[in-house]
Amino acid sequence: MIAYKIDVIESLKEAGYNSTKILKDNIIGQSAMQKLRKGEPVGIKTLDKLCELLDMQPGNIIKYIEK
């Protein structure tokens, strides 16, 4: 199971990206933002964008946990 190591929404805010700006500028889609808020996994394209925005590697954002 994939889980987040960080609070992605809070990290985006700290990087200067609030929800309104993200959605208005179409940086990340609305469905992906809903998944992030719920802690659900997002697609690889969204993960790629998060890495770019947060200047992190995927391993800094997500981790694998055995069920």
N, C-alpha and C. Protein backbone atom coordinates (compact mmCIF):
# COMPACT_ATOMS: atom_id res chain seq x y z
N MET A 1 0.84 -1.17 0.00
CA MET A 1 0.00 0.00 0.00
C MET A 1 0.89 1.24 0.00
N ILE A 2 0.55 2.19 -0.81
CA ILE A 2 1.29 3.45 -0.88
C ILE A 2 0.72 4.43 0.14
N ALA A 3 1.59 5.10 0.89
CA ALA A 3 1.19 6.10 1.87
C ALA A 3 2.08 7.33 1.71
N TYR A 4 1.60 8.45 2.17
CA TYR A 4 2.37 9.69 2.09
C TYR A 4 3.25 9.84 3.32
N LYS A 5 4.49 10.24 3.09
CA LYS A 5 5.42 10.50 4.19
C LYS A 5 5.20 11.90 4.75
N ILE A 6 4.67 12.78 3.92
CA ILE A 6 4.50 14.19 4.29
C ILE A 6 3.04 14.58 4.13
N ASP A 7 2.67 15.70 4.72
CA ASP A 7 1.36 16.30 4.48
C ASP A 7 1.51 17.11 3.19
N VAL A 8 1.06 16.54 2.08
CA VAL A 8 1.30 17.14 0.77
C VAL A 8 0.65 18.51 0.66
N ILE A 9 -0.58 18.65 1.11
CA ILE A 9 -1.29 19.93 1.02
C ILE A 9 -0.53 21.00 1.81
N GLU A 10 -0.10 20.68 3.00
CA GLU A 10 0.65 21.63 3.82
C GLU A 10 1.99 21.98 3.18
N SER A 11 2.66 21.00 2.60
CA SER A 11 3.94 21.23 1.93
C SER A 11 3.76 22.15 0.72
N LEU A 12 2.66 21.96 0.00
CA LEU A 12 2.37 22.83 -1.15
C LEU A 12 2.14 24.27 -0.67
N LYS A 13 1.41 24.42 0.44
CA LYS A 13 1.17 25.76 0.99
C LYS A 13 2.49 26.42 1.37
N GLU A 14 3.37 25.67 2.01
CA GLU A 14 4.67 26.20 2.42
C GLU A 14 5.51 26.61 1.20
N ALA A 15 5.28 25.92 0.08
CA ALA A 15 6.01 26.24 -1.16
C ALA A 15 5.33 27.36 -1.95
N GLY A 16 4.22 27.90 -1.41
CA GLY A 16 3.55 29.02 -2.06
C GLY A 16 2.40 28.65 -2.97
N TYR A 17 1.92 27.41 -2.86
CA TYR A 17 0.82 26.95 -3.71
C TYR A 17 -0.39 26.60 -2.84
N ASN A 18 -1.37 27.52 -2.78
CA ASN A 18 -2.60 27.18 -2.07
C ASN A 18 -3.56 26.51 -3.04
N SER A 19 -4.62 25.92 -2.51
CA SER A 19 -5.57 25.16 -3.33
C SER A 19 -6.17 26.00 -4.44
N THR A 20 -6.50 27.24 -4.14
CA THR A 20 -7.11 28.12 -5.15
C THR A 20 -6.16 28.34 -6.32
N LYS A 21 -4.90 28.63 -6.03
CA LYS A 21 -3.92 28.86 -7.09
C LYS A 21 -3.70 27.60 -7.91
N ILE A 22 -3.61 26.46 -7.25
CA ILE A 22 -3.37 25.19 -7.94
C ILE A 22 -4.50 24.89 -8.92
N LEU A 23 -5.72 25.06 -8.46
CA LEU A 23 -6.88 24.76 -9.31
C LEU A 23 -7.07 25.83 -10.39
N LYS A 24 -6.90 27.10 -10.01
CA LYS A 24 -7.08 28.20 -10.97
C LYS A 24 -6.08 28.11 -12.11
N ASP A 25 -4.84 27.83 -11.77
CA ASP A 25 -3.78 27.75 -12.79
C ASP A 25 -3.68 26.36 -13.41
N ASN A 26 -4.58 25.46 -13.02
CA ASN A 26 -4.64 24.10 -13.55
C ASN A 26 -3.29 23.36 -13.41
N ILE A 27 -2.69 23.54 -12.25
CA ILE A 27 -1.40 22.90 -11.97
C ILE A 27 -1.62 21.42 -11.68
N ILE A 28 -2.61 21.14 -10.85
CA ILE A 28 -3.02 19.78 -10.52
C ILE A 28 -4.54 19.75 -10.64
N GLY A 29 -5.07 18.69 -11.20
CA GLY A 29 -6.51 18.58 -11.42
C GLY A 29 -7.30 18.49 -10.12
N GLN A 30 -8.58 18.81 -10.21
CA GLN A 30 -9.45 18.81 -9.05
C GLN A 30 -9.58 17.42 -8.42
N SER A 31 -9.68 16.39 -9.25
CA SER A 31 -9.81 15.04 -8.69
C SER A 31 -8.54 14.62 -7.95
N ALA A 32 -7.39 15.01 -8.48
CA ALA A 32 -6.12 14.71 -7.80
C ALA A 32 -6.02 15.46 -6.48
N MET A 33 -6.49 16.70 -6.45
CA MET A 33 -6.47 17.47 -5.20
C MET A 33 -7.36 16.81 -4.16
N GLN A 34 -8.52 16.30 -4.58
CA GLN A 34 -9.41 15.61 -3.65
C GLN A 34 -8.73 14.36 -3.08
N LYS A 35 -8.04 13.62 -3.94
CA LYS A 35 -7.32 12.44 -3.48
C LYS A 35 -6.24 12.81 -2.47
N LEU A 36 -5.51 13.89 -2.74
CA LEU A 36 -4.46 14.33 -1.83
C LEU A 36 -5.05 14.71 -0.47
N ARG A 37 -6.19 15.39 -0.49
CA ARG A 37 -6.84 15.78 0.77
C ARG A 37 -7.26 14.56 1.59
N LYS A 38 -7.66 13.49 0.90
CA LYS A 38 -8.11 12.27 1.57
C LYS A 38 -6.97 11.32 1.88
N GLY A 39 -5.75 11.64 1.42
CA GLY A 39 -4.61 10.76 1.64
C GLY A 39 -4.59 9.56 0.73
N GLU A 40 -5.33 9.63 -0.37
CA GLU A 40 -5.38 8.54 -1.33
C GLU A 40 -4.26 8.69 -2.35
N PRO A 41 -3.79 7.59 -2.93
CA PRO A 41 -2.72 7.69 -3.93
C PRO A 41 -3.19 8.39 -5.20
N VAL A 42 -2.26 9.13 -5.81
CA VAL A 42 -2.53 9.83 -7.06
C VAL A 42 -1.74 9.17 -8.19
N GLY A 43 -2.03 9.57 -9.40
CA GLY A 43 -1.34 9.01 -10.56
C GLY A 43 0.09 9.48 -10.67
N ILE A 44 0.82 8.82 -11.55
CA ILE A 44 2.24 9.11 -11.73
C ILE A 44 2.48 10.53 -12.26
N LYS A 45 1.60 11.03 -13.11
CA LYS A 45 1.75 12.40 -13.63
C LYS A 45 1.60 13.42 -12.51
N THR A 46 0.65 13.18 -11.62
CA THR A 46 0.48 14.08 -10.48
C THR A 46 1.67 13.99 -9.54
N LEU A 47 2.16 12.79 -9.31
CA LEU A 47 3.34 12.62 -8.47
C LEU A 47 4.54 13.33 -9.08
N ASP A 48 4.68 13.25 -10.39
CA ASP A 48 5.74 13.94 -11.11
C ASP A 48 5.63 15.46 -10.88
N LYS A 49 4.41 15.98 -10.96
CA LYS A 49 4.19 17.41 -10.76
C LYS A 49 4.49 17.82 -9.33
N LEU A 50 4.10 16.97 -8.37
CA LEU A 50 4.41 17.25 -6.97
C LEU A 50 5.92 17.31 -6.74
N CYS A 51 6.64 16.39 -7.34
CA CYS A 51 8.11 16.39 -7.23
C CYS A 51 8.68 17.70 -7.74
N GLU A 52 8.15 18.16 -8.87
CA GLU A 52 8.62 19.42 -9.46
C GLU A 52 8.30 20.60 -8.55
N LEU A 53 7.05 20.69 -8.08
CA LEU A 53 6.62 21.82 -7.26
C LEU A 53 7.33 21.88 -5.92
N LEU A 54 7.54 20.71 -5.33
CA LEU A 54 8.13 20.65 -3.99
C LEU A 54 9.64 20.45 -4.02
N ASP A 55 10.20 20.29 -5.20
CA ASP A 55 11.64 20.03 -5.37
C ASP A 55 12.07 18.83 -4.51
N MET A 56 11.34 17.73 -4.70
CA MET A 56 11.60 16.49 -3.96
C MET A 56 11.64 15.31 -4.91
N GLN A 57 12.19 14.22 -4.42
CA GLN A 57 12.15 12.94 -5.11
C GLN A 57 10.90 12.19 -4.67
N PRO A 58 10.39 11.27 -5.50
CA PRO A 58 9.19 10.52 -5.09
C PRO A 58 9.32 9.86 -3.72
N GLY A 59 10.50 9.35 -3.41
CA GLY A 59 10.73 8.71 -2.11
C GLY A 59 10.63 9.65 -0.93
N ASN A 60 10.69 10.95 -1.19
CA ASN A 60 10.51 11.93 -0.11
C ASN A 60 9.02 12.18 0.16
N ILE A 61 8.18 11.80 -0.80
CA ILE A 61 6.75 12.09 -0.71
C ILE A 61 5.95 10.86 -0.33
N ILE A 62 6.29 9.71 -0.92
CA ILE A 62 5.52 8.49 -0.68
C ILE A 62 6.41 7.36 -0.17
N LYS A 63 5.76 6.36 0.42
CA LYS A 63 6.45 5.16 0.87
C LYS A 63 5.52 3.98 0.70
N TYR A 64 6.10 2.79 0.68
CA TYR A 64 5.32 1.56 0.56
C TYR A 64 5.21 0.93 1.95
N ILE A 65 3.98 0.58 2.31
CA ILE A 65 3.72 -0.09 3.58
C ILE A 65 3.03 -1.42 3.27
N GLU A 66 3.54 -2.51 3.82
CA GLU A 66 2.90 -3.80 3.62
C GLU A 66 1.60 -3.86 4.38
N LYS A 67 0.60 -4.49 3.77
CA LYS A 67 -0.71 -4.62 4.44
C LYS A 67 -0.67 -5.75 5.44
